[in-house]
Protein backbone atom coordinates (compact mmCIF):
# COMPACT_ATOMS: atom_id res chain seq x y z
CA UNK A 1 7.79 16.04 -83.23
CA UNK A 2 8.99 19.02 -80.35
CA UNK A 3 5.46 19.66 -78.02
CA UNK A 4 5.25 23.31 -77.81
CA UNK A 5 2.40 23.14 -75.05
CA UNK A 6 3.70 25.24 -71.99
CA UNK A 7 1.89 22.39 -69.98
CA UNK A 8 3.67 19.35 -71.47
CA UNK A 9 6.76 21.74 -71.59
CA UNK A 10 5.95 21.76 -67.20
CA UNK A 11 4.82 18.45 -66.92
CA UNK A 12 8.38 17.19 -68.57
CA UNK A 13 10.33 18.75 -67.02
CA UNK A 14 9.18 18.35 -63.22
CA UNK A 15 9.00 14.29 -63.95
CA UNK A 16 12.94 14.72 -65.19
CA UNK A 17 13.88 16.89 -62.14
CA UNK A 18 11.91 14.51 -60.05
CA UNK A 19 13.60 11.45 -61.22
CA UNK A 20 17.05 12.84 -61.50
CA UNK A 21 16.54 13.70 -57.60
CA UNK A 22 15.24 9.78 -56.72
CA UNK A 23 18.62 8.48 -58.66
CA UNK A 24 20.65 11.02 -56.30
CA UNK A 25 22.24 12.50 -59.11
CA UNK A 26 23.49 16.17 -59.56
CA UNK A 27 22.90 18.07 -62.98
CA UNK A 28 26.73 17.69 -64.00
CA UNK A 29 26.50 13.83 -63.34
CA UNK A 30 23.31 13.88 -65.63
CA UNK A 31 24.85 16.00 -67.99
CA UNK A 32 27.49 13.42 -68.58
CA UNK A 33 25.36 10.76 -68.90
CA UNK A 34 23.12 12.21 -71.22
CA UNK A 35 25.95 14.33 -73.04
CA UNK A 36 23.56 17.53 -72.95
CA UNK A 37 24.91 20.70 -71.26
CA UNK A 38 23.75 21.31 -67.66
CA UNK A 39 22.49 24.73 -69.06
CA UNK A 40 20.24 22.81 -71.14
CA UNK A 41 19.09 20.64 -68.62
CA UNK A 42 18.28 23.26 -65.78
CA UNK A 43 15.44 25.13 -68.11
CA UNK A 44 14.15 21.31 -69.34
CA UNK A 45 13.46 21.38 -65.37
CA UNK A 46 12.36 24.82 -65.27
CA UNK A 47 9.73 23.89 -68.10
CA UNK A 48 11.43 26.18 -70.75
CA UNK A 49 12.47 23.75 -73.23
CA UNK A 50 11.27 20.98 -74.61
CA UNK A 51 13.41 18.29 -76.23
CA UNK A 52 13.44 16.57 -79.58
CA UNK A 53 12.22 12.69 -79.60
CA UNK A 54 16.06 11.65 -80.50
CA UNK A 55 17.28 13.68 -77.35
CA UNK A 56 14.64 12.34 -74.92
CA UNK A 57 15.26 8.83 -75.76
CA UNK A 58 18.86 9.34 -74.71
CA UNK A 59 17.48 11.41 -71.43
CA UNK A 60 15.41 8.33 -70.94
CA UNK A 61 18.11 6.12 -71.01
CA UNK A 62 20.34 8.29 -69.01
CA UNK A 63 17.53 8.14 -65.90
CA UNK A 64 16.60 4.68 -66.78
CA UNK A 65 13.08 4.49 -67.93
CA UNK A 66 11.61 4.29 -71.08
CA UNK A 67 10.67 7.39 -73.39
CA UNK A 68 7.11 7.04 -73.33
CA UNK A 69 7.47 6.75 -69.66
CA UNK A 70 9.33 10.38 -69.61
CA UNK A 71 6.93 11.71 -71.88
CA UNK A 72 3.40 10.63 -70.51
CA UNK A 73 1.57 13.00 -68.34
CA UNK A 74 0.71 10.99 -65.78
CA UNK A 75 2.43 12.06 -62.79
CA UNK A 76 3.09 10.56 -59.54
CA UNK A 77 0.99 11.06 -55.81
CA UNK A 78 3.19 14.01 -55.03
CA UNK A 79 2.99 15.68 -58.19
CA UNK A 80 -0.81 14.98 -59.02
CA UNK A 81 -2.33 18.17 -57.53
CA UNK A 82 0.18 20.41 -59.79
CA UNK A 83 -1.07 18.18 -62.81
CA UNK A 84 -4.52 18.58 -62.22
CA UNK A 85 -3.86 22.24 -61.93
CA UNK A 86 -2.18 22.14 -65.29
CA UNK A 87 -4.48 20.11 -67.19
CA UNK A 88 -7.14 22.46 -65.88
CA UNK A 89 -5.54 25.34 -67.71
CA UNK A 90 -5.90 27.15 -64.73
CA UNK A 91 -2.61 29.11 -64.47
CA UNK A 92 -2.18 30.11 -68.40
CA UNK A 93 -6.01 31.66 -67.19
CA UNK A 94 -4.73 33.39 -64.39
CA UNK A 95 -4.03 37.08 -65.29
CA UNK A 96 -0.37 36.89 -64.24
CA UNK A 97 0.85 39.58 -66.84
CA UNK A 98 -1.48 42.21 -65.26
CA UNK A 99 0.09 41.89 -62.14
CA UNK A 100 3.45 41.70 -63.79
CA UNK A 101 4.13 38.02 -62.69
CA UNK A 102 5.75 35.70 -65.61
CA UNK A 103 4.51 32.28 -66.19
CA UNK A 104 7.64 31.07 -66.24
CA UNK A 105 8.71 32.58 -62.60
CA UNK A 106 5.66 30.77 -61.23
CA UNK A 107 6.54 27.39 -63.03
CA UNK A 108 10.18 27.70 -61.33
CA UNK A 109 8.86 27.95 -58.08
CA UNK A 110 6.78 24.95 -58.55
CA UNK A 111 9.84 23.23 -60.49
CA UNK A 112 11.91 24.20 -57.10
CA UNK A 113 9.69 22.77 -54.53
CA UNK A 114 7.23 20.57 -56.36
CA UNK A 115 6.31 18.02 -52.99
CA UNK A 116 5.11 21.14 -51.24
CA UNK A 117 3.72 23.64 -54.23
CA UNK A 118 1.89 20.47 -54.57
CA UNK A 119 0.59 20.11 -50.97
CA UNK A 120 0.11 23.48 -50.64
CA UNK A 121 -2.06 23.48 -54.17
CA UNK A 122 -3.64 20.55 -52.39
CA UNK A 123 -5.03 22.45 -49.40
CA UNK A 124 -5.93 25.40 -51.88
CA UNK A 125 -8.43 22.93 -53.60
CA UNK A 126 -9.54 21.45 -50.65
CA UNK A 127 -10.68 24.92 -49.37
CA UNK A 128 -11.91 25.71 -52.22
CA UNK A 129 -14.53 22.72 -52.10
CA UNK A 130 -15.43 22.98 -48.37
CA UNK A 131 -16.13 26.78 -49.49
CA UNK A 132 -18.14 25.79 -52.49
CA UNK A 133 -15.92 27.91 -54.71
CA UNK A 134 -15.42 27.64 -58.03
CA UNK A 135 -13.02 28.85 -60.81
CA UNK A 136 -15.20 31.57 -61.83
CA UNK A 137 -14.32 32.76 -57.84
CA UNK A 138 -10.84 32.86 -58.95
CA UNK A 139 -11.42 34.82 -61.63
CA UNK A 140 -13.71 37.63 -60.00
CA UNK A 141 -11.15 37.88 -57.41
CA UNK A 142 -8.16 38.20 -59.34
CA UNK A 143 -10.86 41.24 -60.86
CA UNK A 144 -11.17 42.57 -58.06
CA UNK A 145 -7.35 42.96 -56.94
CA UNK A 146 -6.41 44.50 -60.21
CA UNK A 147 -9.56 47.09 -60.00
CA UNK A 148 -7.87 47.22 -56.13
CA UNK A 149 -4.18 47.60 -57.53
CA UNK A 150 -5.47 50.23 -59.99
CA UNK A 151 -7.51 52.54 -57.33
CA UNK A 152 -10.16 51.68 -59.87
CA UNK A 153 -9.54 53.91 -62.26
CA UNK A 154 -8.34 53.66 -66.07
CA UNK A 155 -7.26 56.47 -67.76
CA UNK A 156 -7.39 54.57 -71.44
CA UNK A 157 -10.94 54.11 -70.74
CA UNK A 158 -11.67 57.85 -69.74
CA UNK A 159 -10.52 59.18 -72.90
CA UNK A 160 -11.92 55.75 -75.12
CA UNK A 161 -14.94 57.67 -73.68
CA UNK A 162 -14.34 60.91 -74.55
CA UNK A 163 -13.17 59.75 -77.89
CA UNK A 164 -16.70 58.42 -78.56
CA UNK A 165 -18.96 61.62 -77.04
CA UNK A 166 -16.43 63.73 -79.60
CA UNK A 167 -16.76 61.35 -82.51
CA UNK A 168 -20.69 60.95 -82.12
CA UNK A 169 -21.24 64.70 -80.89
CA UNK A 170 -22.89 63.75 -77.83
CA UNK A 171 -23.48 66.82 -75.31
CA UNK A 172 -22.31 64.97 -72.38
CA UNK A 173 -22.81 68.52 -70.13
CA UNK A 174 -26.08 67.59 -69.88
CA UNK A 175 -28.02 63.50 -69.29
CA UNK A 176 -26.92 61.46 -72.53
CA UNK A 177 -30.27 60.14 -74.19
CA UNK A 178 -30.67 56.35 -74.57
CA UNK A 179 -32.43 56.84 -77.40
CA UNK A 180 -29.81 58.63 -78.88
CA UNK A 181 -27.37 55.53 -77.80
CA UNK A 182 -29.60 53.32 -79.61
CA UNK A 183 -29.64 54.73 -82.69
CA UNK A 184 -25.63 54.81 -82.46
CA UNK A 185 -25.82 50.76 -82.04
CA UNK A 186 -28.65 50.48 -84.93
CA UNK A 187 -26.94 52.77 -87.32
CA UNK A 188 -22.96 52.62 -86.89
CA UNK A 189 -22.29 49.01 -85.15
CA UNK A 190 -25.45 46.92 -86.88
CA UNK A 191 -27.77 45.92 -84.13
CA UNK A 192 -31.14 44.87 -84.15
CA UNK A 193 -32.58 45.99 -80.73
CA UNK A 194 -35.76 43.84 -79.99
CA UNK A 195 -38.13 45.33 -77.76
CA UNK A 196 -38.90 42.48 -75.14
CA UNK A 197 -37.19 40.21 -76.69
CA UNK A 198 -36.88 37.89 -74.04
CA UNK A 199 -40.98 37.47 -73.34
CA UNK A 200 -40.87 33.89 -74.42
CA UNK A 201 -37.96 32.94 -72.19
CA UNK A 202 -39.86 32.86 -68.59
CA UNK A 203 -36.52 31.56 -67.27
CA UNK A 204 -34.22 34.39 -68.62
CA UNK A 205 -36.72 37.17 -66.89
CA UNK A 206 -33.62 38.06 -64.35
CA UNK A 207 -31.34 39.01 -66.90
CA UNK A 208 -31.72 42.76 -68.30
CA UNK A 209 -30.59 41.57 -72.01
CA UNK A 210 -28.99 38.62 -74.34
CA UNK A 211 -26.61 39.68 -77.35
CA UNK A 212 -26.88 37.11 -80.34
CA UNK A 213 -24.16 37.42 -82.27
CA UNK A 214 -24.81 35.97 -85.16
CA UNK A 215 -27.51 38.53 -86.27
CA UNK A 216 -26.15 40.88 -83.98
CA UNK A 217 -29.53 41.16 -82.44
CA UNK A 218 -29.75 42.59 -78.96
CA UNK A 219 -33.16 41.03 -77.04
CA UNK A 220 -33.95 42.97 -74.27
CA UNK A 221 -36.42 42.49 -71.31
CA UNK A 222 -39.72 44.12 -71.05
CA UNK A 223 -39.21 45.09 -67.53
CA UNK A 224 -35.95 47.73 -67.77
CA UNK A 225 -36.00 50.94 -66.43
CA UNK A 226 -35.21 54.09 -68.49
CA UNK A 227 -31.86 53.85 -66.35
CA UNK A 228 -31.30 50.25 -67.23
CA UNK A 229 -31.70 50.79 -70.88
CA UNK A 230 -29.10 53.58 -71.21
CA UNK A 231 -26.20 51.20 -69.06
CA UNK A 232 -27.35 48.53 -71.83
CA UNK A 233 -27.08 50.37 -74.54
CA UNK A 234 -24.08 52.10 -73.09
CA UNK A 235 -22.31 48.60 -72.21
CA UNK A 236 -22.69 47.11 -75.77
CA UNK A 237 -21.24 50.65 -77.30
CA UNK A 238 -18.20 49.52 -74.83
CA UNK A 239 -17.65 46.37 -76.35
CA UNK A 240 -17.55 47.94 -79.50
CA UNK A 241 -15.20 50.96 -79.04
CA UNK A 242 -13.26 48.91 -76.50
CA UNK A 243 -12.83 45.95 -79.32
CA UNK A 244 -13.75 43.79 -76.38
CA UNK A 245 -14.48 40.16 -78.45
CA UNK A 246 -14.43 37.85 -75.08
CA UNK A 247 -17.76 38.49 -73.50
CA UNK A 248 -20.77 36.57 -72.28
CA UNK A 249 -23.30 37.50 -74.65
CA UNK A 250 -25.84 37.37 -71.45
CA UNK A 251 -26.27 40.84 -69.57
CA UNK A 252 -25.17 39.10 -65.89
CA UNK A 253 -21.91 36.61 -65.95
CA UNK A 254 -23.98 33.19 -65.48
CA UNK A 255 -21.00 30.85 -66.34
CA UNK A 256 -17.35 32.37 -67.11
CA UNK A 257 -15.23 30.94 -69.04
CA UNK A 258 -11.96 32.82 -68.69
CA UNK A 259 -10.76 35.73 -67.09
CA UNK A 260 -10.99 37.80 -70.10
CA UNK A 261 -14.62 37.70 -70.48
CA UNK A 262 -14.61 39.07 -66.41
CA UNK A 263 -12.01 41.85 -67.72
CA UNK A 264 -14.13 42.69 -70.81
CA UNK A 265 -17.39 42.99 -69.00
CA UNK A 266 -16.08 45.40 -66.50
CA UNK A 267 -14.13 47.54 -68.88
CA UNK A 268 -17.30 47.67 -70.91
CA UNK A 269 -19.27 48.34 -67.73
CA UNK A 270 -17.21 50.62 -66.71
CA UNK A 271 -17.35 52.65 -70.18
CA UNK A 272 -20.92 52.96 -69.95
CA UNK A 273 -21.00 54.56 -66.72
CA UNK A 274 -18.30 56.86 -67.55
CA UNK A 275 -20.47 57.83 -70.67
CA UNK A 276 -23.28 58.42 -68.82
CA UNK A 277 -21.96 60.31 -65.96
CA UNK A 278 -19.73 62.91 -67.26
CA UNK A 279 -16.26 63.43 -65.24
CA UNK A 280 -15.58 67.07 -64.98
CA UNK A 281 -19.41 67.62 -64.58
CA UNK A 282 -19.71 64.85 -61.73
CA UNK A 283 -16.55 66.05 -60.19
CA UNK A 284 -17.53 69.74 -59.62
CA UNK A 285 -21.05 68.16 -58.27
CA UNK A 286 -18.98 66.23 -55.72
CA UNK A 287 -16.94 69.52 -54.44
CA UNK A 288 -20.36 71.65 -54.35
CA UNK A 289 -21.84 68.12 -52.09
CA UNK A 290 -18.76 67.31 -50.04
CA UNK A 291 -18.83 71.28 -49.07
CA UNK A 292 -21.98 71.42 -47.91
CA UNK A 293 -21.80 72.56 -44.00
CA UNK A 294 -24.62 70.01 -43.17
CA UNK A 295 -25.04 66.31 -44.25
CA UNK A 296 -28.18 66.43 -47.34
CA UNK A 297 -29.54 63.30 -48.24
CA UNK A 298 -32.00 65.06 -50.63
CA UNK A 299 -29.17 66.23 -52.42
CA UNK A 300 -27.44 62.98 -52.41
CA UNK A 301 -30.56 61.45 -54.17
CA UNK A 302 -30.25 64.77 -56.64
CA UNK A 303 -27.27 63.19 -57.87
CA UNK A 304 -29.22 60.13 -58.86
CA UNK A 305 -31.92 62.58 -60.67
CA UNK A 306 -29.73 64.46 -62.24
CA UNK A 307 -27.74 62.13 -63.77
CA UNK A 308 -30.43 59.83 -64.73
CA UNK A 309 -28.66 56.68 -62.63
CA UNK A 310 -29.20 53.68 -60.64
CA UNK A 311 -27.34 53.85 -57.41
CA UNK A 312 -24.63 51.31 -58.63
CA UNK A 313 -23.84 53.31 -61.57
CA UNK A 314 -23.26 56.70 -58.99
CA UNK A 315 -21.56 54.53 -56.31
CA UNK A 316 -18.96 52.98 -59.34
CA UNK A 317 -18.01 56.60 -60.05
CA UNK A 318 -17.90 57.53 -56.68
CA UNK A 319 -15.18 54.39 -56.53
CA UNK A 320 -13.78 55.41 -59.98
CA UNK A 321 -13.12 59.75 -59.03
CA UNK A 322 -13.08 59.97 -55.37
CA UNK A 323 -9.66 58.20 -54.48
CA UNK A 324 -7.84 59.91 -57.87
CA UNK A 325 -9.38 63.35 -57.60
CA UNK A 326 -10.16 64.39 -53.73
CA UNK A 327 -7.26 61.27 -52.30
CA UNK A 328 -9.92 59.41 -50.62
CA UNK A 329 -8.30 56.18 -51.07
CA UNK A 330 -8.89 54.37 -47.62
CA UNK A 331 -12.40 53.30 -48.54
CA UNK A 332 -14.79 50.35 -49.44
CA UNK A 333 -18.00 49.57 -51.69
CA UNK A 334 -20.80 46.72 -50.42
CA UNK A 335 -23.22 45.81 -52.38
CA UNK A 336 -25.90 44.04 -50.61
CA UNK A 337 -29.20 42.07 -51.98
CA UNK A 338 -31.83 41.38 -49.02
CA UNK A 339 -34.36 38.47 -49.72
CA UNK A 340 -37.31 39.62 -47.32
CA UNK A 341 -39.20 36.78 -47.16
CA UNK A 342 -36.23 35.02 -45.12
CA UNK A 343 -34.41 37.51 -44.01
CA UNK A 344 -31.39 36.65 -46.32
CA UNK A 345 -28.66 39.24 -46.55
CA UNK A 346 -25.45 38.53 -49.26
CA UNK A 347 -22.81 40.98 -50.16
CA UNK A 348 -22.62 39.80 -54.08
CA UNK A 349 -20.31 42.76 -54.59
CA UNK A 350 -17.50 44.41 -52.86
CA UNK A 351 -14.50 46.47 -53.49
CA UNK A 352 -11.33 47.33 -51.00
CA UNK A 353 -8.93 50.12 -51.57
CA UNK A 354 -5.73 50.61 -50.09
CA UNK A 355 -6.39 47.84 -47.63
CA UNK A 356 -9.28 45.35 -46.93
CA UNK A 357 -11.95 47.18 -44.64
CA UNK A 358 -13.65 45.57 -41.98
CA UNK A 359 -17.24 45.29 -43.11
CA UNK A 360 -16.23 42.54 -46.18
CA UNK A 361 -17.99 39.08 -47.42
CA UNK A 362 -17.44 35.83 -46.31
CA UNK A 363 -18.39 32.31 -47.74
CA UNK A 364 -19.32 30.65 -44.07
CA UNK A 365 -22.81 31.77 -43.72
CA UNK A 366 -22.72 33.76 -40.63
CA UNK A 367 -24.86 36.73 -39.64
CA UNK A 368 -23.70 40.21 -40.68
CA UNK A 369 -23.93 43.08 -38.49
CA UNK A 370 -27.29 43.98 -38.07
CA UNK A 371 -25.82 47.58 -37.13
CA UNK A 372 -24.64 48.53 -40.39
CA UNK A 373 -26.36 50.93 -41.95
CA UNK A 374 -26.14 49.02 -45.77
CA UNK A 375 -28.56 46.45 -43.61
CA UNK A 376 -30.70 48.92 -41.47
CA UNK A 377 -31.73 50.79 -44.15
CA UNK A 378 -32.56 47.39 -46.25
CA UNK A 379 -34.70 46.73 -42.94
CA UNK A 380 -36.26 50.21 -43.49
CA UNK A 381 -37.36 49.67 -46.75
CA UNK A 382 -39.01 46.40 -46.25
CA UNK A 383 -41.05 48.28 -43.46
CA UNK A 384 -42.30 50.72 -45.81
CA UNK A 385 -43.33 48.03 -48.16
CA UNK A 386 -44.96 46.29 -45.66
CA UNK A 387 -46.97 48.86 -45.11
CA UNK A 388 -48.53 48.64 -48.43
CA UNK A 389 -46.48 52.39 -49.85
CA UNK A 390 -44.47 52.00 -52.92
CA UNK A 391 -40.44 53.68 -52.38
CA UNK A 392 -38.46 53.85 -54.52
CA UNK A 393 -34.77 54.54 -53.59
CA UNK A 394 -33.60 55.58 -49.67
CA UNK A 395 -30.79 56.98 -48.35
CA UNK A 396 -28.85 57.07 -45.00
CA UNK A 397 -25.26 58.12 -43.81
CA UNK A 398 -23.97 56.79 -40.81
CA UNK A 399 -20.39 56.77 -39.00
CA UNK A 400 -19.38 53.44 -38.28
CA UNK A 401 -16.74 52.74 -35.48
CA UNK A 402 -15.55 49.26 -35.48
CA UNK A 403 -15.30 47.52 -32.33
CA UNK A 404 -11.91 46.83 -30.35
CA UNK A 405 -10.56 49.05 -33.56
CA UNK A 406 -9.57 52.98 -33.91
CA UNK A 407 -11.38 52.47 -37.48
CA UNK A 408 -14.16 54.77 -37.87
CA UNK A 409 -15.86 55.32 -41.75
CA UNK A 410 -18.45 57.49 -42.93
CA UNK A 411 -20.51 55.34 -44.88
CA UNK A 412 -23.21 56.78 -47.43
CA UNK A 413 -25.95 54.46 -48.54
CA UNK A 414 -28.78 53.92 -50.74
CA UNK A 415 -31.18 51.03 -50.85
CA UNK A 416 -34.17 50.37 -53.72
CA UNK A 417 -36.26 47.51 -55.01
CA UNK A 418 -34.44 45.31 -57.26
CA UNK A 419 -35.70 45.34 -60.64
CA UNK A 420 -36.63 43.12 -62.41
CA UNK A 421 -36.33 40.70 -60.16
CA UNK A 422 -39.11 40.52 -57.88
CA UNK A 423 -39.27 40.20 -54.02
CA UNK A 424 -35.48 41.52 -53.72
CA UNK A 425 -33.62 44.75 -52.45
CA UNK A 426 -30.38 45.89 -52.57
CA UNK A 427 -28.30 48.15 -51.04
CA UNK A 428 -25.19 50.20 -51.68
CA UNK A 429 -22.76 51.43 -49.61
CA UNK A 430 -19.15 53.44 -50.01
CA UNK A 431 -17.26 53.18 -46.79
CA UNK A 432 -14.49 56.00 -46.22
CA UNK A 433 -12.04 56.08 -43.27
CA UNK A 434 -12.16 59.18 -41.18
CA UNK A 435 -8.70 60.87 -40.62
CA UNK A 436 -8.01 64.59 -40.13
CA UNK A 437 -7.51 64.65 -43.93
CA UNK A 438 -11.15 63.61 -44.65
CA UNK A 439 -12.34 66.00 -42.18
CA UNK A 440 -10.98 68.77 -44.06
CA UNK A 441 -12.66 67.69 -47.55
CA UNK A 442 -16.02 66.86 -46.35
CA UNK A 443 -17.77 69.90 -44.40
CA UNK A 444 -20.54 67.64 -43.15
CA UNK A 445 -18.96 65.23 -41.47
CA UNK A 446 -19.24 66.11 -37.71
CA UNK A 447 -22.81 66.98 -38.26
CA UNK A 448 -24.70 65.70 -35.68
CA UNK A 449 -27.58 64.46 -37.32
CA UNK A 450 -25.14 61.46 -38.88
CA UNK A 451 -25.84 58.89 -36.16
CA UNK A 452 -22.67 57.14 -34.68
CA UNK A 453 -23.02 53.06 -34.44
CA UNK A 454 -20.48 51.38 -32.63
CA UNK A 455 -20.72 48.05 -35.29
CA UNK A 456 -18.51 44.50 -35.57
CA UNK A 457 -18.46 42.21 -38.78
CA UNK A 458 -21.33 39.23 -37.83
CA UNK A 459 -23.10 38.07 -35.09
CA UNK A 460 -20.98 35.10 -34.28
CA UNK A 461 -18.08 36.91 -33.98
CA UNK A 462 -19.29 40.30 -32.09
CA UNK A 463 -18.27 40.41 -27.97
CA UNK A 464 -20.46 43.39 -27.81
CA UNK A 465 -22.85 42.66 -25.08
CA UNK A 466 -26.54 43.60 -24.93
CA UNK A 467 -26.86 44.32 -28.56
CA UNK A 468 -30.66 44.44 -29.39
CA UNK A 469 -29.85 43.56 -33.25
CA UNK A 470 -28.15 40.77 -32.83
CA UNK A 471 -29.53 38.19 -34.97
CA UNK A 472 -27.69 34.95 -33.52
CA UNK A 473 -25.57 34.78 -30.30
CA UNK A 474 -21.70 34.99 -30.43
CA UNK A 475 -20.68 31.25 -30.69
CA UNK A 476 -17.40 31.56 -32.28
CA UNK A 477 -16.53 34.42 -29.11
CA UNK A 478 -17.85 31.69 -26.96
CA UNK A 479 -15.58 28.46 -28.35
CA UNK A 480 -12.67 31.34 -28.50
CA UNK A 481 -13.15 31.66 -24.72
CA UNK A 482 -13.56 27.87 -23.72
CA UNK A 483 -10.39 27.19 -25.83
CA UNK A 484 -8.89 30.09 -23.64
CA UNK A 485 -10.44 28.41 -20.35
CA UNK A 486 -9.15 25.38 -21.34
CA UNK A 487 -5.73 26.25 -22.02
CA UNK A 488 -4.97 28.58 -18.99
CA UNK A 489 -6.77 25.14 -16.68
CA UNK A 490 -3.90 23.35 -18.37
CA UNK A 491 -0.91 25.95 -17.69
CA UNK A 492 -2.28 26.11 -14.19
CA UNK A 493 -1.96 22.61 -13.89
CA UNK A 494 1.64 21.98 -14.95
CA UNK A 495 2.54 24.94 -12.77
CA UNK A 496 1.11 23.02 -9.81
CA UNK A 497 2.46 19.67 -11.05
CA UNK A 498 6.44 21.39 -10.68
CA UNK A 499 6.06 22.49 -7.42
C-alpha cells in the first residue's frame, strides 16, 4: 500500500539519498541497478514520490538493505534533527503558502544538504530551549511577519465589515451599540450570552470570555467594561462572518494548537476593531488631528471617548490605516505590561513595519531603557495610584532619538490600569520614524512641548553616561570593552614579538 503522508515521503527520500551517497552510487548507477528512471529516483529523493511495495523491494536490494530498513522512520544521528522536525508536524503547520513558499522547495533544500540542514535545525532547537521558546512562539512570530508583509491592512476584512454593517443596518457613523451586537449574536447566530458566566471559576478570572461550542454559550467575565464587552461581541461576530473554524474557545490563546488558530483570532480581532472604529469616520478624525498646530493630548484621548474604544483598539486601528492612507510605513507598535509590586516590565505585543525598529522585545531578561515613554508613563501612572488617586487612561508624546544612530521617532503612548487583571498596568505606544515626509503630514511634530529624549534599547547595552534612569549597570558594554582591550593587548604583543 502506498503511503501518502508528506512526512513519510520526505523521510523515505532522505534515507534513499543517504544510502546512495554512502555507497558512492550516481543516479545513473542506481537507475541501472534498480531498473528505475533517473527522473523517478530524483522525485523519490525530493520527497515527491513514494514507491509501491514491489518497487521498494527492488530499490532496497539495489541499496543492499532490507525493505524494513528502508521504510522505517528511524533516521541516523546526522538526520535525527530533521526527523524530529518532521514528526513534530511543525513544517506542515508553518504558513508557507502565505509567504509564497512551497513545501516541496523546503524539502528539496533538506534533501540537497541533510547533514547541514540537520545541524542548522539542531542549533535552532537548542536556541529555542535556551530561551524557553515554544512552538507557539514561532506561530506568533509568523503571524507578525504576515502582518508586516501586508502592512497590517487587509481589504477583504474591511469589505466583510462593510457588508456586515449593511446587512444588519448598523449605523457606523456613530458608536456601535454593544447591546445591538449581542442581539445579533443571539438572534442571527444562535448564541446564548451568560452574564458573569465565569463567576464560579476563580482560575479563569483573567479571561474576558469563554465560548462553549457544544451549546453556543458565551460565558462573560462579570468585570468587563462596556468597551471590552463590545469588543468580545465584535470578535465573536468576526468568527462567524468570516467563517473561521480554527479557534480557541477562550478569549485569549492560552495554548496554541496551530498557526490557523492564531490567524483566525487575529482576523476576528481585526474585524471587531474595524466594526467598532469605522474606517472613513476615523480617517477624517485623523486628518483633523494631524493638522493640529500643537500637540493636544486631550484631543488624542478624545478619540478614545468618541469611539468608545480601548487604547489597544485605537492603536490597532492606527496601525491598520496610517501606513496605507497616510504613507506612514516606518513605524513600530509596543504593548508593555508593568507589575508594579516587583517593578517588572514586559513587552507582550509588538509590530514593526518596513523594518525592525530599535525598540523591540528580547527574551534574555534585560532591562528596557527607562527613558522610553512607554515605561516612564507607566511609572507616572503607578505614582498617581500610590497617592491613592483613581486614574483611568493617561497620555504622553515624546521624540525618541536612539543613541548612536540618526533615527528619531515620534512616540505617542497611552497607559492605563489593566482590567480585569488586578495589580497590573499596561501601556501601548506607536512610534513613527521622523523624516521630511512626516513633517509635512503632522503639523504639531515640532511643538516644543513634546520632549526630546536620547534613548537606547536596554540598560545592559547602553553606553550613555550619568543616566539618572538607569536600572542596572551597562554590563554587556563593559564586557565588550574588556574583550576589545584584550584583543588590542594581544595585537600589541604580536607586533612587539615580530621586532
